[in-house]
């Protein structure tokens, strides 16, 4: 099985080696996030993203190419640092990005998320960018099978649930045209720059697929989790121009996205007791249909 562990200690060692390779300093680096990637802020100001082991090098190169394409369009997205990258270290992929803001992370408003998302969805990607078709279930099967945190019962449940959701998703009839999507379009991936303008980050999931995939997350954050208010959601709908809650396929899309949030979290469950408790709570909710209002953002 592929190891998915990425501890803070391992990430810091990789950071120092990658920075040395590209002539940057890792002194006083600040760990911003440890999720699918370890994300560090350097004094540069530069942000360094270190993947979990086994991430695809071609995918990282495509992400960098997406960023460079968006820059040619003056689209408000994170920019690439002009160094030799990606750097590959023991199966980890390291990339370097210009910091969006020197003053810490300030998230954009839900209305701003809708505006930059609508603008993104109007773009046509050049053929040489080779954006893949959306793979809705991505690494879910591997995350389930490789987890040593799951019980046999939970693993069987998730495997059966995955098969059902794949069938349900295949039967969806989409209302919006397919095209360029971000893949993880939520308020956590749109930051204010130092001038207060919204900037899109985390470009790894760019693909060609149904726009509902992107639009759904704001609705789920409001309707399932209570992370957005009704006023915020209605602002999003007005700015984007589509209310996914009125789409007949929304319940399936919601079930798929919530399921994937659980399979993403289980890969981190061994990293701390806090994450293990959250993962167990989400597993129970999937099994019982309990409210998601007590799910915490990650």
Protein backbone atom coordinates (compact mmCIF):
# COMPACT_ATOMS: atom_id res chain seq x y z
CA UNK A 1 0.00 0.00 0.00
CA UNK A 2 1.08 3.58 -0.65
CA UNK A 3 1.94 5.45 2.53
CA UNK A 4 -0.18 8.54 2.96
CA UNK A 5 1.46 9.76 6.16
CA UNK A 6 2.89 13.27 6.18
CA UNK A 7 3.86 14.41 9.65
CA UNK A 8 4.96 17.92 10.54
CA UNK A 9 8.45 16.64 11.24
CA UNK A 10 8.72 14.89 7.86
CA UNK A 11 7.31 17.92 6.07
CA UNK A 12 9.85 20.27 7.67
CA UNK A 13 12.74 18.05 6.62
CA UNK A 14 11.42 17.92 3.06
CA UNK A 15 10.92 21.68 3.09
CA UNK A 16 14.54 22.33 4.02
CA UNK A 17 15.81 20.00 1.30
CA UNK A 18 13.53 21.45 -1.39
CA UNK A 19 14.39 25.03 -0.50
CA UNK A 20 18.10 24.25 -0.60
CA UNK A 21 17.66 22.76 -4.08
CA UNK A 22 16.06 25.97 -5.35
CA UNK A 23 18.22 28.45 -3.49
CA UNK A 24 15.55 29.53 -1.01
CA UNK A 25 15.71 29.77 2.76
CA UNK A 26 13.47 27.68 5.01
CA UNK A 27 14.51 29.64 8.10
CA UNK A 28 11.51 30.71 10.21
CA UNK A 29 9.10 28.90 7.87
CA UNK A 30 5.55 28.79 9.22
CA UNK A 31 3.39 25.67 8.81
CA UNK A 32 0.03 26.99 7.62
CA UNK A 33 -1.83 23.74 7.01
CA UNK A 34 -1.32 19.98 7.05
CA UNK A 35 -3.96 18.30 4.90
CA UNK A 36 -3.64 16.85 1.42
CA UNK A 37 -0.47 18.93 1.38
CA UNK A 38 1.79 20.42 3.99
CA UNK A 39 1.71 24.14 3.28
CA UNK A 40 4.49 26.41 4.56
CA UNK A 41 4.90 30.17 4.36
CA UNK A 42 8.47 31.40 3.85
CA UNK A 43 9.80 34.85 4.51
CA UNK A 44 10.05 35.34 0.71
CA UNK A 45 7.06 35.78 0.65
CA UNK A 46 6.68 32.31 -0.84
CA UNK A 47 4.27 29.48 -0.10
CA UNK A 48 5.58 25.93 -0.42
CA UNK A 49 3.23 23.00 -0.92
CA UNK A 50 4.49 19.48 -0.16
CA UNK A 51 2.34 16.56 -1.28
CA UNK A 52 1.69 13.34 0.52
CA UNK A 53 3.83 10.47 -0.71
CA UNK A 54 2.88 8.98 -4.05
CA UNK A 55 1.32 12.11 -5.58
CA UNK A 56 1.55 12.36 -9.35
CA UNK A 57 4.38 14.40 -10.83
CA UNK A 58 2.47 14.93 -14.08
CA UNK A 59 -0.47 16.30 -12.11
CA UNK A 60 1.82 18.77 -10.35
CA UNK A 61 3.26 19.93 -13.66
CA UNK A 62 -0.26 20.41 -14.98
CA UNK A 63 -1.21 22.46 -11.91
CA UNK A 64 1.75 24.73 -12.56
CA UNK A 65 0.71 25.01 -16.20
CA UNK A 66 -2.83 25.93 -15.16
CA UNK A 67 -1.47 28.74 -12.99
CA UNK A 68 0.66 30.07 -15.84
CA UNK A 69 -2.33 29.93 -18.22
CA UNK A 70 -4.55 31.83 -15.79
CA UNK A 71 -1.83 34.45 -15.40
CA UNK A 72 -1.84 35.07 -19.18
CA UNK A 73 -5.57 35.82 -18.86
CA UNK A 74 -5.07 38.09 -15.84
CA UNK A 75 -7.45 35.79 -13.98
CA UNK A 76 -7.18 36.28 -10.20
CA UNK A 77 -5.38 33.10 -9.17
CA UNK A 78 -2.24 32.28 -7.23
CA UNK A 79 0.97 32.78 -9.23
CA UNK A 80 3.95 30.46 -9.67
CA UNK A 81 7.40 31.32 -8.29
CA UNK A 82 10.06 31.40 -11.01
CA UNK A 83 12.23 28.54 -9.75
CA UNK A 84 13.00 25.06 -11.03
CA UNK A 85 9.92 23.02 -10.08
CA UNK A 86 8.34 20.71 -9.19
CA UNK A 87 10.95 19.26 -6.89
CA UNK A 88 10.59 15.51 -6.27
CA UNK A 89 11.86 14.18 -2.95
CA UNK A 90 11.35 10.54 -1.93
CA UNK A 91 7.95 10.38 -3.63
CA UNK A 92 6.79 13.78 -2.36
CA UNK A 93 6.11 16.57 -4.87
CA UNK A 94 7.08 20.09 -3.85
CA UNK A 95 5.86 23.27 -5.57
CA UNK A 96 6.50 26.96 -4.91
CA UNK A 97 3.92 29.75 -5.09
CA UNK A 98 3.83 33.49 -4.58
CA UNK A 99 2.15 34.36 -1.30
CA UNK A 100 -1.27 35.91 -1.85
CA UNK A 101 -0.93 38.16 1.20
CA UNK A 102 1.85 39.08 3.60
CA UNK A 103 -0.59 39.59 6.46
CA UNK A 104 -1.93 36.06 6.95
CA UNK A 105 -4.94 34.40 5.36
CA UNK A 106 -8.12 36.41 4.97
CA UNK A 107 -10.91 34.57 3.20
CA UNK A 108 -13.00 36.19 0.49
CA UNK A 109 -16.73 36.71 0.95
CA UNK A 110 -19.20 34.16 -0.39
CA UNK A 111 -20.32 36.72 -2.98
CA UNK A 112 -16.74 37.12 -4.19
CA UNK A 113 -16.40 33.34 -4.42
CA UNK A 114 -19.45 33.28 -6.68
CA UNK A 115 -18.06 36.06 -8.89
CA UNK A 116 -14.64 34.50 -9.47
CA UNK A 117 -16.27 31.08 -9.97
CA UNK A 118 -18.68 32.44 -12.58
CA UNK A 119 -15.75 34.07 -14.37
CA UNK A 120 -13.78 30.82 -14.26
CA UNK A 121 -16.70 28.88 -15.69
CA UNK A 122 -16.76 31.18 -18.72
CA UNK A 123 -13.19 30.26 -19.68
CA UNK A 124 -12.20 27.82 -22.43
CA UNK A 125 -9.00 25.95 -21.72
CA UNK A 126 -6.46 25.54 -24.55
CA UNK A 127 -6.09 21.99 -25.83
CA UNK A 128 -2.38 21.85 -24.94
CA UNK A 129 -3.24 22.31 -21.26
CA UNK A 130 -4.60 18.74 -21.35
CA UNK A 131 -7.10 19.19 -18.56
CA UNK A 132 -8.46 15.77 -17.59
CA UNK A 133 -12.10 14.85 -17.42
CA UNK A 134 -13.35 15.06 -13.85
CA UNK A 135 -12.89 11.79 -11.98
CA UNK A 136 -15.58 12.31 -9.34
CA UNK A 137 -14.44 9.59 -6.97
CA UNK A 138 -10.72 10.12 -7.46
CA UNK A 139 -8.71 8.31 -4.83
CA UNK A 140 -11.67 7.28 -2.67
CA UNK A 141 -11.27 3.54 -3.23
CA UNK A 142 -7.54 3.67 -2.48
CA UNK A 143 -8.08 5.77 0.62
CA UNK A 144 -10.59 3.24 1.92
CA UNK A 145 -8.50 0.15 1.14
CA UNK A 146 -5.21 1.59 2.43
CA UNK A 147 -6.54 2.96 5.73
CA UNK A 148 -5.35 1.08 8.81
CA UNK A 149 -7.55 3.31 10.97
CA UNK A 150 -10.87 1.96 9.66
CA UNK A 151 -12.47 -1.08 11.21
CA UNK A 152 -13.36 -3.97 8.89
CA UNK A 153 -17.02 -3.04 9.30
CA UNK A 154 -16.42 0.60 8.38
CA UNK A 155 -14.28 -0.38 5.40
CA UNK A 156 -17.01 -2.71 4.11
CA UNK A 157 -19.63 -0.02 4.63
CA UNK A 158 -17.62 2.61 2.76
CA UNK A 159 -16.85 0.21 -0.09
CA UNK A 160 -20.54 -0.60 -0.55
CA UNK A 161 -21.50 3.06 -0.20
CA UNK A 162 -18.95 4.00 -2.85
CA UNK A 163 -20.43 1.53 -5.33
CA UNK A 164 -23.94 2.88 -4.80
CA UNK A 165 -22.87 6.51 -5.12
CA UNK A 166 -20.98 5.74 -8.31
CA UNK A 167 -24.19 4.31 -9.79
CA UNK A 168 -26.25 7.26 -8.55
CA UNK A 169 -23.79 9.80 -9.93
CA UNK A 170 -23.71 8.06 -13.33
CA UNK A 171 -27.47 8.65 -13.60
CA UNK A 172 -27.35 12.42 -13.02
CA UNK A 173 -28.69 14.79 -15.67
CA UNK A 174 -26.82 18.07 -15.35
CA UNK A 175 -28.46 21.45 -15.85
CA UNK A 176 -25.32 23.50 -16.53
CA UNK A 177 -22.95 23.07 -19.49
CA UNK A 178 -19.74 21.19 -18.84
CA UNK A 179 -16.38 22.92 -19.06
CA UNK A 180 -13.48 24.16 -16.97
CA UNK A 181 -13.98 23.60 -13.23
CA UNK A 182 -11.85 24.25 -10.16
CA UNK A 183 -12.71 20.97 -8.47
CA UNK A 184 -12.73 22.25 -4.88
CA UNK A 185 -14.47 25.62 -5.18
CA UNK A 186 -15.19 26.76 -1.65
CA UNK A 187 -14.61 29.84 0.46
CA UNK A 188 -11.43 28.31 1.90
CA UNK A 189 -9.82 28.38 -1.55
CA UNK A 190 -10.43 32.06 -2.30
CA UNK A 191 -8.27 34.49 -0.34
CA UNK A 192 -7.99 38.27 -0.23
CA UNK A 193 -4.71 39.68 -1.51
CA UNK A 194 -3.03 42.63 0.17
CA UNK A 195 -5.36 44.97 -1.74
CA UNK A 196 -8.50 43.13 -0.64
CA UNK A 197 -9.12 41.46 -4.00
CA UNK A 198 -10.20 37.79 -4.20
CA UNK A 199 -7.59 35.32 -5.44
CA UNK A 200 -8.24 31.63 -6.21
CA UNK A 201 -5.77 29.11 -4.73
CA UNK A 202 -5.31 25.29 -4.74
CA UNK A 203 -5.45 24.67 -8.48
CA UNK A 204 -4.76 20.90 -8.32
CA UNK A 205 -8.33 19.85 -9.12
CA UNK A 206 -8.76 21.76 -12.38
CA UNK A 207 -10.60 19.57 -14.86
CA UNK A 208 -13.32 19.47 -17.47
CA UNK A 209 -16.60 18.52 -15.87
CA UNK A 210 -20.06 19.57 -14.71
CA UNK A 211 -20.17 23.06 -13.22
CA UNK A 212 -22.53 21.70 -10.56
CA UNK A 213 -19.47 20.01 -9.03
CA UNK A 214 -18.07 23.43 -8.16
CA UNK A 215 -21.35 25.13 -7.28
CA UNK A 216 -22.43 22.39 -4.89
CA UNK A 217 -19.94 23.06 -2.12
CA UNK A 218 -21.31 26.46 -1.13
CA UNK A 219 -24.81 24.96 -0.98
CA UNK A 220 -23.59 22.04 1.15
CA UNK A 221 -21.71 24.36 3.49
CA UNK A 222 -24.98 26.23 3.99
CA UNK A 223 -27.61 23.51 3.88
CA UNK A 224 -25.79 20.55 5.46
CA UNK A 225 -23.15 22.06 7.73
CA UNK A 226 -24.45 25.51 8.60
CA UNK A 227 -21.06 27.06 7.80
CA UNK A 228 -22.75 29.74 5.67
CA UNK A 229 -25.85 31.75 6.55
CA UNK A 230 -28.96 31.85 4.39
CA UNK A 231 -28.11 35.44 3.42
CA UNK A 232 -24.63 34.37 2.33
CA UNK A 233 -26.04 31.53 0.24
CA UNK A 234 -28.63 33.77 -1.40
CA UNK A 235 -25.87 36.25 -2.21
CA UNK A 236 -23.94 33.42 -3.86
CA UNK A 237 -26.97 32.42 -5.94
CA UNK A 238 -27.54 36.00 -7.14
CA UNK A 239 -23.90 36.51 -8.03
CA UNK A 240 -23.45 33.17 -9.78
CA UNK A 241 -26.90 32.97 -11.35
CA UNK A 242 -27.92 29.42 -10.46
CA UNK A 243 -29.53 27.86 -7.37
CA UNK A 244 -28.33 24.27 -7.18
CA UNK A 245 -30.74 23.54 -4.33
CA UNK A 246 -33.50 23.64 -6.95
CA UNK A 247 -31.73 21.09 -9.18
CA UNK A 248 -33.21 17.56 -8.88
CA UNK A 249 -29.73 16.04 -8.82
CA UNK A 250 -28.58 18.02 -5.80
CA UNK A 251 -29.28 15.30 -3.17
CA UNK A 252 -27.02 12.88 -5.04
CA UNK A 253 -24.31 15.51 -5.50
CA UNK A 254 -24.52 16.38 -1.80
CA UNK A 255 -24.22 12.71 -0.82
CA UNK A 256 -21.21 12.26 -3.08
CA UNK A 257 -19.38 15.34 -1.81
CA UNK A 258 -20.06 14.50 1.85
CA UNK A 259 -18.86 10.94 1.30
CA UNK A 260 -15.65 12.20 -0.28
CA UNK A 261 -15.07 14.55 2.65
CA UNK A 262 -15.13 11.51 4.92
CA UNK A 263 -12.77 9.44 2.78
CA UNK A 264 -10.40 12.41 2.62
CA UNK A 265 -10.38 12.77 6.41
CA UNK A 266 -9.75 9.11 7.19
CA UNK A 267 -6.29 9.36 5.62
CA UNK A 268 -5.43 11.83 8.40
CA UNK A 269 -7.15 10.02 11.27
CA UNK A 270 -3.92 8.58 12.68
CA UNK A 271 -2.28 12.00 12.85
CA UNK A 272 -4.03 13.22 16.01
CA UNK A 273 -6.77 12.31 18.46
CA UNK A 274 -8.70 15.43 17.42
CA UNK A 275 -8.84 14.33 13.79
CA UNK A 276 -9.68 10.74 14.77
CA UNK A 277 -12.66 11.97 16.80
CA UNK A 278 -13.88 14.06 13.86
CA UNK A 279 -13.46 11.15 11.43
CA UNK A 280 -15.38 8.82 13.76
CA UNK A 281 -18.17 11.37 14.09
CA UNK A 282 -18.45 11.67 10.31
CA UNK A 283 -18.46 7.89 9.90
CA UNK A 284 -21.33 7.64 12.36
CA UNK A 285 -23.25 10.33 10.48
CA UNK A 286 -22.82 8.46 7.19
CA UNK A 287 -24.03 5.23 8.76
CA UNK A 288 -27.01 6.68 10.64
CA UNK A 289 -28.05 9.69 8.60
CA UNK A 290 -27.41 11.96 11.58
CA UNK A 291 -27.11 15.72 11.21
CA UNK A 292 -23.90 17.12 9.75
CA UNK A 293 -24.29 20.41 11.65
CA UNK A 294 -21.54 19.41 14.09
CA UNK A 295 -18.94 18.65 11.38
CA UNK A 296 -15.90 20.90 11.72
CA UNK A 297 -14.06 22.43 8.74
CA UNK A 298 -10.72 20.96 7.66
